[in-house]
Amino acid sequence: MTEINSNWNPAQRVLMGPGPSNVHPRVLQGMAQWTIGHLDPQFLALMDETMGLMRTVFQTQNPLTFPVSGTGSAGMETTFVNLLEPGDRVVVGVNGVFGERMCDVASRCGAEVRRVEAPWGRIVDPEAMAQAIREVKPTLVAIVHAETSTGVLQPLQVIQEATHEAGALLLVDCVTSLGGVDLRVDEWKIDVAYSGTQKCLSCPPGLAPVTFGERALERFDRRTSKPQSWYLDIGMIRRYWSGERLYHHTAPINAIYGLREALRLIVEEGLENRIARHTRNAAALRAGVEAMGLQLFAQADARLPSLTTVCVPEGCDEAALRSTLLNEFDLEIGGGLGPVKGKVWRVGLMGDTSTPRNVFYFLSCLERILRRQGVMVENGLAAAQEALGD
């Protein structure tokens, strides 16, 4: 018989990895409210409020803006399976793990995938994307706005213009940008976007906010075959999230309580203020890291405010350093993935985690452990403080 630890109590960590981020107590309290039915009038009213708050954060008027019952990867799959049919052509920008994942999902839908690649740590060249779009004449163009594996923030304007000139749909991964980085779905003419709750929204993982624009829904309505996924078929799901309230699946009631509260916190802070906070704290972190004598990995003019990639210095045992941070200082950061595994750290400043206190705490702990390992670095706190100003 399995032994059960009745006194199990998770440690309180400072979550500065690539996600999840620290969750505000109000969100946790919201999730602890009484569970009611997914067709209860009280819950239906809460669904409407949650959709309205999501539109505010996505900066869109799209009616079909709702949380998919699943993590950010479920959001990715939802967008692809509903907009692609076998034989469709897709152009995908690839400069990290999540561009690679987009290619995989699109190919599983039976699409012909044209990859436009860039080295990890660099943006995908917008002109190269535009050229591929002109050559391929795709149904769909997909790009990662905030590449979590590299800390790169992708410019979208040139890609958006080429996409719509070709009559295609623009699909954007904003998992690590929504709620912390400037993202304007309507103004930037993004046709469909998806995210995750555990990054800049500072809500526990388990939901994937998505938004479908009018052109995307028109494309869906012209399908000649059913989406390959029954569970993620927006043709049925939107009838539950609309006024019709037709049952599709049992919604994760308490998770949506938490998402509503997380979105309320963003609106109370003000989206513009929240974006400025992420930008300011990231600048302080970078200034401190560089003052220590360490190098940043991502392209200098395209660094993501919500996640910073730091090159591991020579002589450092990077896995041991992360382990010490976690076990001795209750501080979590992420390691590199794919070709940069063991070469970079991924340091998140997302949502509730993005504070000056956490910037200073991380820099202090990093300096202490590096010196312990025999890696000589300078003190970065003064530079971080200067970057923060008053």
Protein backbone atom coordinates (compact mmCIF):
# COMPACT_ATOMS: atom_id res chain seq x y z
CA MET A 1 0.00 0.00 0.00
CA THR A 2 1.30 3.45 -0.92
CA GLU A 3 2.28 5.52 2.09
CA ILE A 4 0.46 8.84 2.23
CA ASN A 5 2.12 11.87 3.76
CA SER A 6 -0.75 13.67 5.45
CA ASN A 7 1.49 16.63 6.31
CA TRP A 8 2.55 17.37 2.75
CA ASN A 9 3.04 21.08 2.28
CA PRO A 10 4.82 22.52 -0.79
CA ALA A 11 7.67 24.95 -0.25
CA GLN A 12 7.00 28.60 -0.99
CA ARG A 13 9.32 29.32 -3.92
CA VAL A 14 10.29 32.44 -5.80
CA LEU A 15 9.36 31.27 -9.30
CA MET A 16 11.77 32.97 -11.70
CA GLY A 17 11.86 30.27 -14.34
CA PRO A 18 10.05 30.12 -17.69
CA GLY A 19 6.75 29.38 -15.92
CA PRO A 20 4.79 29.01 -13.82
CA SER A 21 5.16 32.40 -12.17
CA ASN A 22 4.16 33.27 -8.62
CA VAL A 23 0.41 33.41 -8.09
CA HIS A 24 -1.25 36.30 -6.24
CA PRO A 25 -3.08 35.26 -3.04
CA ARG A 26 -6.33 36.67 -4.44
CA VAL A 27 -6.16 34.19 -7.31
CA LEU A 28 -5.61 31.27 -4.96
CA GLN A 29 -8.45 32.47 -2.74
CA GLY A 30 -10.68 32.80 -5.78
CA MET A 31 -9.97 29.20 -6.78
CA ALA A 32 -10.91 28.04 -3.28
CA GLN A 33 -14.52 29.26 -3.59
CA TRP A 34 -17.41 26.79 -3.63
CA THR A 35 -17.65 24.74 -6.82
CA ILE A 36 -20.94 25.19 -8.68
CA GLY A 37 -22.26 23.61 -11.86
CA HIS A 38 -20.95 24.57 -15.27
CA LEU A 39 -24.51 25.47 -16.37
CA ASP A 40 -25.41 27.28 -13.16
CA PRO A 41 -26.66 30.82 -13.98
CA GLN A 42 -24.05 32.25 -11.59
CA PHE A 43 -21.26 30.50 -13.47
CA LEU A 44 -22.66 31.50 -16.87
CA ALA A 45 -22.54 35.14 -15.76
CA LEU A 46 -18.95 34.64 -14.57
CA MET A 47 -18.07 33.19 -18.00
CA ASP A 48 -19.30 36.37 -19.67
CA GLU A 49 -17.27 38.53 -17.29
CA THR A 50 -14.16 36.40 -17.87
CA MET A 51 -14.49 36.70 -21.65
CA GLY A 52 -14.83 40.47 -21.35
CA LEU A 53 -11.71 40.70 -19.21
CA MET A 54 -9.81 38.50 -21.67
CA ARG A 55 -10.76 40.83 -24.52
CA THR A 56 -9.36 43.75 -22.54
CA VAL A 57 -6.02 42.00 -22.01
CA PHE A 58 -5.80 40.73 -25.61
CA GLN A 59 -6.83 44.24 -26.74
CA THR A 60 -9.50 42.88 -29.05
CA GLN A 61 -13.22 42.99 -29.68
CA ASN A 62 -13.31 39.39 -30.97
CA PRO A 63 -16.52 37.73 -29.70
CA LEU A 64 -14.88 34.27 -29.62
CA THR A 65 -12.30 34.92 -26.91
CA PHE A 66 -12.32 32.21 -24.26
CA PRO A 67 -10.06 29.92 -22.19
CA VAL A 68 -9.43 26.46 -23.64
CA SER A 69 -9.60 23.73 -21.00
CA GLY A 70 -5.92 22.78 -21.17
CA THR A 71 -2.45 24.29 -20.97
CA GLY A 72 -0.85 26.66 -23.49
CA SER A 73 -0.02 23.77 -25.80
CA ALA A 74 -3.75 22.97 -25.94
CA GLY A 75 -4.25 26.55 -27.10
CA MET A 76 -1.70 25.98 -29.85
CA GLU A 77 -3.42 22.80 -30.95
CA THR A 78 -6.87 24.42 -30.82
CA THR A 79 -5.87 27.13 -33.26
CA PHE A 80 -4.19 24.80 -35.74
CA VAL A 81 -6.72 21.97 -35.82
CA ASN A 82 -9.62 24.35 -36.40
CA LEU A 83 -8.01 26.38 -39.18
CA LEU A 84 -6.14 23.71 -41.14
CA GLU A 85 -7.27 20.87 -43.37
CA PRO A 86 -5.15 18.23 -45.12
CA GLY A 87 -3.23 19.74 -48.03
CA ASP A 88 -3.30 23.33 -46.74
CA ARG A 89 -0.02 25.24 -46.96
CA VAL A 90 1.51 26.85 -43.87
CA VAL A 91 4.52 29.13 -43.37
CA VAL A 92 6.05 28.87 -39.88
CA GLY A 93 8.83 30.96 -38.37
CA VAL A 94 11.24 28.76 -36.41
CA ASN A 95 13.86 30.14 -33.99
CA GLY A 96 13.25 27.99 -30.91
CA VAL A 97 11.32 25.14 -29.34
CA PHE A 98 7.87 26.56 -29.87
CA GLY A 99 8.32 27.34 -33.55
CA GLU A 100 9.42 23.71 -33.90
CA ARG A 101 6.29 22.62 -32.05
CA MET A 102 4.10 24.68 -34.39
CA CYS A 103 5.59 22.80 -37.36
CA ASP A 104 4.88 19.47 -35.68
CA VAL A 105 1.26 20.33 -34.91
CA ALA A 106 0.63 21.74 -38.40
CA SER A 107 2.06 18.63 -40.06
CA ARG A 108 -0.15 16.42 -37.89
CA CYS A 109 -3.11 18.33 -39.36
CA GLY A 110 -1.96 17.19 -42.82
CA ALA A 111 -0.64 20.59 -43.85
CA GLU A 112 2.38 21.25 -46.07
CA VAL A 113 4.80 23.19 -43.87
CA ARG A 114 7.34 25.72 -45.12
CA ARG A 115 9.85 26.55 -42.39
CA VAL A 116 11.61 29.91 -42.24
CA GLU A 117 14.47 29.41 -39.80
CA ALA A 118 16.74 31.65 -37.78
CA PRO A 119 19.50 30.85 -35.28
CA TRP A 120 18.34 30.43 -31.71
CA GLY A 121 18.59 33.76 -29.95
CA ARG A 122 17.80 35.76 -33.10
CA ILE A 123 14.51 36.95 -34.54
CA VAL A 124 13.08 35.30 -37.62
CA ASP A 125 13.92 37.70 -40.44
CA PRO A 126 10.61 39.42 -41.31
CA GLU A 127 11.69 39.89 -44.95
CA ALA A 128 12.53 36.19 -45.24
CA MET A 129 9.06 35.41 -43.88
CA ALA A 130 7.49 37.83 -46.36
CA GLN A 131 9.39 36.22 -49.25
CA ALA A 132 8.28 32.73 -48.21
CA ILE A 133 4.67 33.91 -47.92
CA ARG A 134 4.78 35.34 -51.45
CA GLU A 135 6.24 32.09 -52.80
CA VAL A 136 4.02 29.64 -50.94
CA LYS A 137 0.70 31.55 -50.94
CA PRO A 138 -0.31 29.77 -47.72
CA THR A 139 -3.59 29.36 -45.92
CA LEU A 140 -1.95 30.19 -42.61
CA VAL A 141 1.18 31.96 -41.35
CA ALA A 142 2.33 31.11 -37.81
CA ILE A 143 4.90 32.91 -35.68
CA VAL A 144 5.95 32.96 -32.02
CA HIS A 145 5.69 36.47 -30.58
CA ALA A 146 7.64 35.61 -27.40
CA GLU A 147 9.94 32.61 -27.76
CA THR A 148 10.16 31.11 -24.28
CA SER A 149 13.15 28.93 -25.11
CA THR A 150 15.40 31.84 -26.15
CA GLY A 151 13.98 35.06 -24.68
CA VAL A 152 13.45 36.64 -28.11
CA LEU A 153 10.61 39.10 -28.85
CA GLN A 154 9.55 38.85 -32.50
CA PRO A 155 8.47 41.94 -34.49
CA LEU A 156 5.20 41.27 -36.34
CA GLN A 157 4.35 44.21 -38.60
CA VAL A 158 6.11 43.14 -41.82
CA ILE A 159 4.92 39.56 -41.38
CA GLN A 160 1.34 40.70 -40.79
CA GLU A 161 1.33 42.87 -43.91
CA ALA A 162 2.72 40.10 -46.13
CA THR A 163 0.28 37.58 -44.64
CA HIS A 164 -2.80 39.64 -45.42
CA GLU A 165 -1.55 40.69 -48.86
CA ALA A 166 -1.44 36.95 -49.63
CA GLY A 167 -4.97 36.44 -48.28
CA ALA A 168 -3.71 34.19 -45.47
CA LEU A 169 -4.46 34.12 -41.75
CA LEU A 170 -1.92 35.23 -39.14
CA LEU A 171 -1.62 32.95 -36.09
CA VAL A 172 0.48 34.19 -33.16
CA ASP A 173 1.84 32.36 -30.11
CA CYS A 174 1.74 34.89 -27.25
CA VAL A 175 2.13 32.44 -24.36
CA THR A 176 4.92 34.45 -22.72
CA SER A 177 3.77 37.91 -23.79
CA LEU A 178 0.04 38.21 -22.97
CA GLY A 179 -0.41 40.41 -19.93
CA GLY A 180 3.22 41.52 -19.66
CA VAL A 181 4.37 42.63 -23.10
CA ASP A 182 2.71 44.97 -25.59
CA LEU A 183 0.27 42.88 -27.65
CA ARG A 184 -2.55 44.47 -29.65
CA VAL A 185 -4.59 41.83 -31.43
CA ASP A 186 -6.98 44.14 -33.27
CA GLU A 187 -4.58 46.98 -34.05
CA TRP A 188 -1.92 44.56 -35.31
CA LYS A 189 -4.53 42.59 -37.33
CA ILE A 190 -3.75 39.25 -35.70
CA ASP A 191 -6.37 36.74 -36.86
CA VAL A 192 -5.93 34.19 -34.10
CA ALA A 193 -3.78 34.07 -30.98
CA TYR A 194 -3.30 31.79 -28.01
CA SER A 195 -1.59 32.00 -24.65
CA GLY A 196 -1.27 30.25 -21.28
CA THR A 197 -2.36 31.30 -17.83
CA GLN A 198 0.86 30.47 -15.96
CA LYS A 199 3.15 33.13 -17.41
CA CYS A 200 2.46 36.90 -17.29
CA LEU A 201 -1.15 36.33 -16.17
CA SER A 202 0.20 34.74 -12.94
CA CYS A 203 -2.53 32.13 -12.73
CA PRO A 204 -1.87 28.41 -12.18
CA PRO A 205 -1.37 26.38 -15.37
CA GLY A 206 -4.36 24.59 -16.85
CA LEU A 207 -6.12 27.08 -19.13
CA ALA A 208 -5.17 28.51 -22.53
CA PRO A 209 -6.71 31.87 -23.48
CA VAL A 210 -7.47 32.01 -27.22
CA THR A 211 -9.04 34.60 -29.48
CA PHE A 212 -10.43 34.05 -32.98
CA GLY A 213 -11.05 37.00 -35.28
CA GLU A 214 -13.74 37.33 -37.91
CA ARG A 215 -11.52 36.16 -40.79
CA ALA A 216 -10.46 33.09 -38.82
CA LEU A 217 -14.07 32.17 -38.07
CA GLU A 218 -15.01 32.64 -41.72
CA ARG A 219 -12.21 30.24 -42.62
CA PHE A 220 -13.49 27.75 -40.04
CA ASP A 221 -17.05 27.98 -41.37
CA ARG A 222 -15.80 27.15 -44.90
CA ARG A 223 -14.19 23.89 -43.77
CA THR A 224 -15.02 20.84 -45.88
CA SER A 225 -14.12 18.38 -43.12
CA LYS A 226 -14.47 18.23 -39.36
CA PRO A 227 -11.48 19.24 -37.22
CA GLN A 228 -9.39 16.23 -36.29
CA SER A 229 -9.98 16.91 -32.58
CA TRP A 230 -13.48 16.53 -31.16
CA TYR A 231 -12.48 18.02 -27.81
CA LEU A 232 -10.96 21.18 -29.33
CA ASP A 233 -13.58 21.73 -32.07
CA ILE A 234 -14.58 25.40 -31.76
CA GLY A 235 -17.70 24.71 -33.78
CA MET A 236 -19.10 23.05 -30.67
CA ILE A 237 -17.15 24.87 -27.97
CA ARG A 238 -18.28 28.33 -29.11
CA ARG A 239 -21.90 27.24 -28.68
CA TYR A 240 -21.17 26.73 -24.97
CA TRP A 241 -19.28 30.02 -24.56
CA SER A 242 -21.93 31.93 -26.52
CA GLY A 243 -25.49 32.78 -25.51
CA GLU A 244 -26.65 29.35 -26.63
CA ARG A 245 -24.83 27.63 -23.70
CA LEU A 246 -24.98 24.23 -25.38
CA TYR A 247 -23.15 21.61 -23.30
CA HIS A 248 -19.85 20.41 -24.75
CA HIS A 249 -17.67 19.41 -21.79
CA THR A 250 -17.59 20.15 -18.07
CA ALA A 251 -15.65 23.37 -17.72
CA PRO A 252 -12.88 23.56 -15.08
CA ILE A 253 -15.01 25.71 -12.79
CA ASN A 254 -12.50 26.68 -10.11
CA ALA A 255 -9.69 27.25 -12.61
CA ILE A 256 -11.89 29.81 -14.34
CA TYR A 257 -12.58 31.44 -10.97
CA GLY A 258 -8.82 31.90 -10.67
CA LEU A 259 -8.41 33.22 -14.21
CA ARG A 260 -11.15 35.79 -13.65
CA GLU A 261 -9.37 37.05 -10.53
CA ALA A 262 -5.99 37.16 -12.30
CA LEU A 263 -7.51 39.21 -15.12
CA ARG A 264 -9.17 41.54 -12.62
CA LEU A 265 -5.76 42.20 -11.06
CA ILE A 266 -4.39 43.16 -14.47
CA VAL A 267 -7.25 45.55 -15.15
CA GLU A 268 -6.87 47.11 -11.70
CA GLU A 269 -3.16 47.68 -12.26
CA GLY A 270 -3.77 48.96 -15.77
CA LEU A 271 -2.42 47.10 -18.78
CA GLU A 272 -0.11 49.96 -19.76
CA ASN A 273 1.30 50.15 -16.22
CA ARG A 274 1.77 46.40 -16.11
CA ILE A 275 3.69 46.35 -19.39
CA ALA A 276 5.88 49.23 -18.15
CA ARG A 277 6.58 47.32 -14.92
CA HIS A 278 7.75 44.25 -16.84
CA THR A 279 9.94 46.41 -19.10
CA ARG A 280 11.49 48.32 -16.18
CA ASN A 281 12.30 45.25 -14.08
CA ALA A 282 13.74 43.37 -17.05
CA ALA A 283 16.04 46.32 -17.81
CA ALA A 284 17.25 46.25 -14.20
CA LEU A 285 17.90 42.51 -14.34
CA ARG A 286 19.86 42.82 -17.56
CA ALA A 287 21.89 45.75 -16.23
CA GLY A 288 22.77 43.78 -13.12
CA VAL A 289 23.73 40.66 -15.05
CA GLU A 290 25.98 42.57 -17.43
CA ALA A 291 27.58 44.52 -14.56
CA MET A 292 28.53 41.17 -13.05
CA GLY A 293 30.48 40.45 -16.22
CA LEU A 294 28.02 37.90 -17.64
CA GLN A 295 26.63 37.89 -21.17
CA LEU A 296 23.02 37.94 -22.34
CA PHE A 297 22.01 35.44 -25.00
CA ALA A 298 19.13 36.98 -26.96
CA GLN A 299 19.56 39.50 -29.76
CA ALA A 300 20.17 42.89 -28.15
CA ASP A 301 17.35 44.78 -29.87
CA ALA A 302 14.79 41.98 -29.49
CA ARG A 303 14.95 40.91 -25.85
CA LEU A 304 11.79 39.74 -24.18
CA PRO A 305 10.82 41.72 -21.03
CA SER A 306 9.15 38.74 -19.40
CA LEU A 307 12.04 36.27 -19.80
CA THR A 308 15.80 36.89 -19.97
CA THR A 309 18.35 34.36 -21.19
CA VAL A 310 21.78 34.53 -19.55
CA CYS A 311 24.86 32.74 -20.92
CA VAL A 312 26.45 30.33 -18.46
CA PRO A 313 30.00 31.53 -17.72
CA GLU A 314 33.03 29.33 -18.19
CA GLY A 315 33.86 27.25 -15.12
CA CYS A 316 30.27 27.19 -13.82
CA ASP A 317 28.37 23.99 -13.10
CA GLU A 318 25.05 25.35 -14.34
CA ALA A 319 22.83 22.47 -13.18
CA ALA A 320 24.41 22.56 -9.72
CA LEU A 321 23.85 26.30 -9.55
CA ARG A 322 20.15 25.91 -10.35
CA SER A 323 19.88 23.15 -7.78
CA THR A 324 21.51 25.32 -5.11
CA LEU A 325 19.22 28.23 -5.95
CA LEU A 326 16.22 25.96 -5.48
CA ASN A 327 17.28 23.98 -2.43
CA GLU A 328 19.14 26.68 -0.49
CA PHE A 329 17.33 29.86 -1.53
CA ASP A 330 13.89 28.57 -2.66
CA LEU A 331 14.47 30.31 -5.99
CA GLU A 332 13.67 28.60 -9.29
CA ILE A 333 15.16 29.50 -12.67
CA GLY A 334 15.13 27.46 -15.88
CA GLY A 335 17.88 25.80 -17.87
CA GLY A 336 18.32 25.86 -21.62
CA LEU A 337 16.51 23.61 -24.07
CA GLY A 338 17.61 21.92 -27.29
CA PRO A 339 20.87 23.26 -28.72
CA VAL A 340 21.34 25.71 -25.82
CA LYS A 341 20.87 23.10 -23.10
CA GLY A 342 23.58 23.63 -20.48
CA LYS A 343 24.59 26.92 -22.13
CA VAL A 344 21.98 29.39 -20.88
CA TRP A 345 19.71 30.09 -17.95
CA ARG A 346 16.16 31.27 -18.51
CA VAL A 347 15.16 33.83 -15.91
CA GLY A 348 11.51 34.82 -15.79
CA LEU A 349 10.08 38.09 -14.50
CA MET A 350 6.45 37.42 -15.26
CA GLY A 351 3.30 38.76 -13.68
CA ASP A 352 3.39 38.72 -9.90
CA THR A 353 7.06 37.63 -9.99
CA SER A 354 8.15 40.80 -11.78
CA THR A 355 9.30 42.96 -8.85
CA PRO A 356 12.50 44.88 -8.00
CA ARG A 357 12.83 42.75 -4.86
CA ASN A 358 13.06 39.59 -6.96
CA VAL A 359 15.59 41.21 -9.29
CA PHE A 360 17.85 42.03 -6.34
CA TYR A 361 17.30 38.65 -4.70
CA PHE A 362 18.25 36.77 -7.87
CA LEU A 363 21.37 38.86 -8.51
CA SER A 364 22.54 38.47 -4.90
CA CYS A 365 22.03 34.69 -4.91
CA LEU A 366 23.61 34.27 -8.34
CA GLU A 367 26.71 36.21 -7.33
CA ARG A 368 27.08 34.23 -4.12
CA ILE A 369 26.84 30.82 -5.77
CA LEU A 370 29.11 31.71 -8.69
CA ARG A 371 31.80 32.89 -6.28
CA ARG A 372 31.35 29.70 -4.30
CA GLN A 373 32.02 27.75 -7.52
CA GLY A 374 35.18 29.79 -8.14
CA VAL A 375 33.72 31.99 -10.88
CA MET A 376 34.78 35.56 -10.17
CA VAL A 377 32.07 38.11 -10.92
CA GLU A 378 31.42 41.72 -10.01
CA ASN A 379 28.50 42.95 -7.91
CA GLY A 380 25.52 43.82 -10.10
CA LEU A 381 23.15 45.38 -7.55
CA ALA A 382 24.22 48.99 -8.06
CA ALA A 383 23.70 48.74 -11.81
CA ALA A 384 20.26 47.21 -11.29
CA GLN A 385 19.34 49.98 -8.87
CA GLU A 386 20.53 52.63 -11.31
CA ALA A 387 18.43 51.08 -14.09
CA LEU A 388 15.37 51.20 -11.85
CA GLY A 389 15.96 54.87 -11.01
CA ASP A 390 13.62 56.25 -8.35
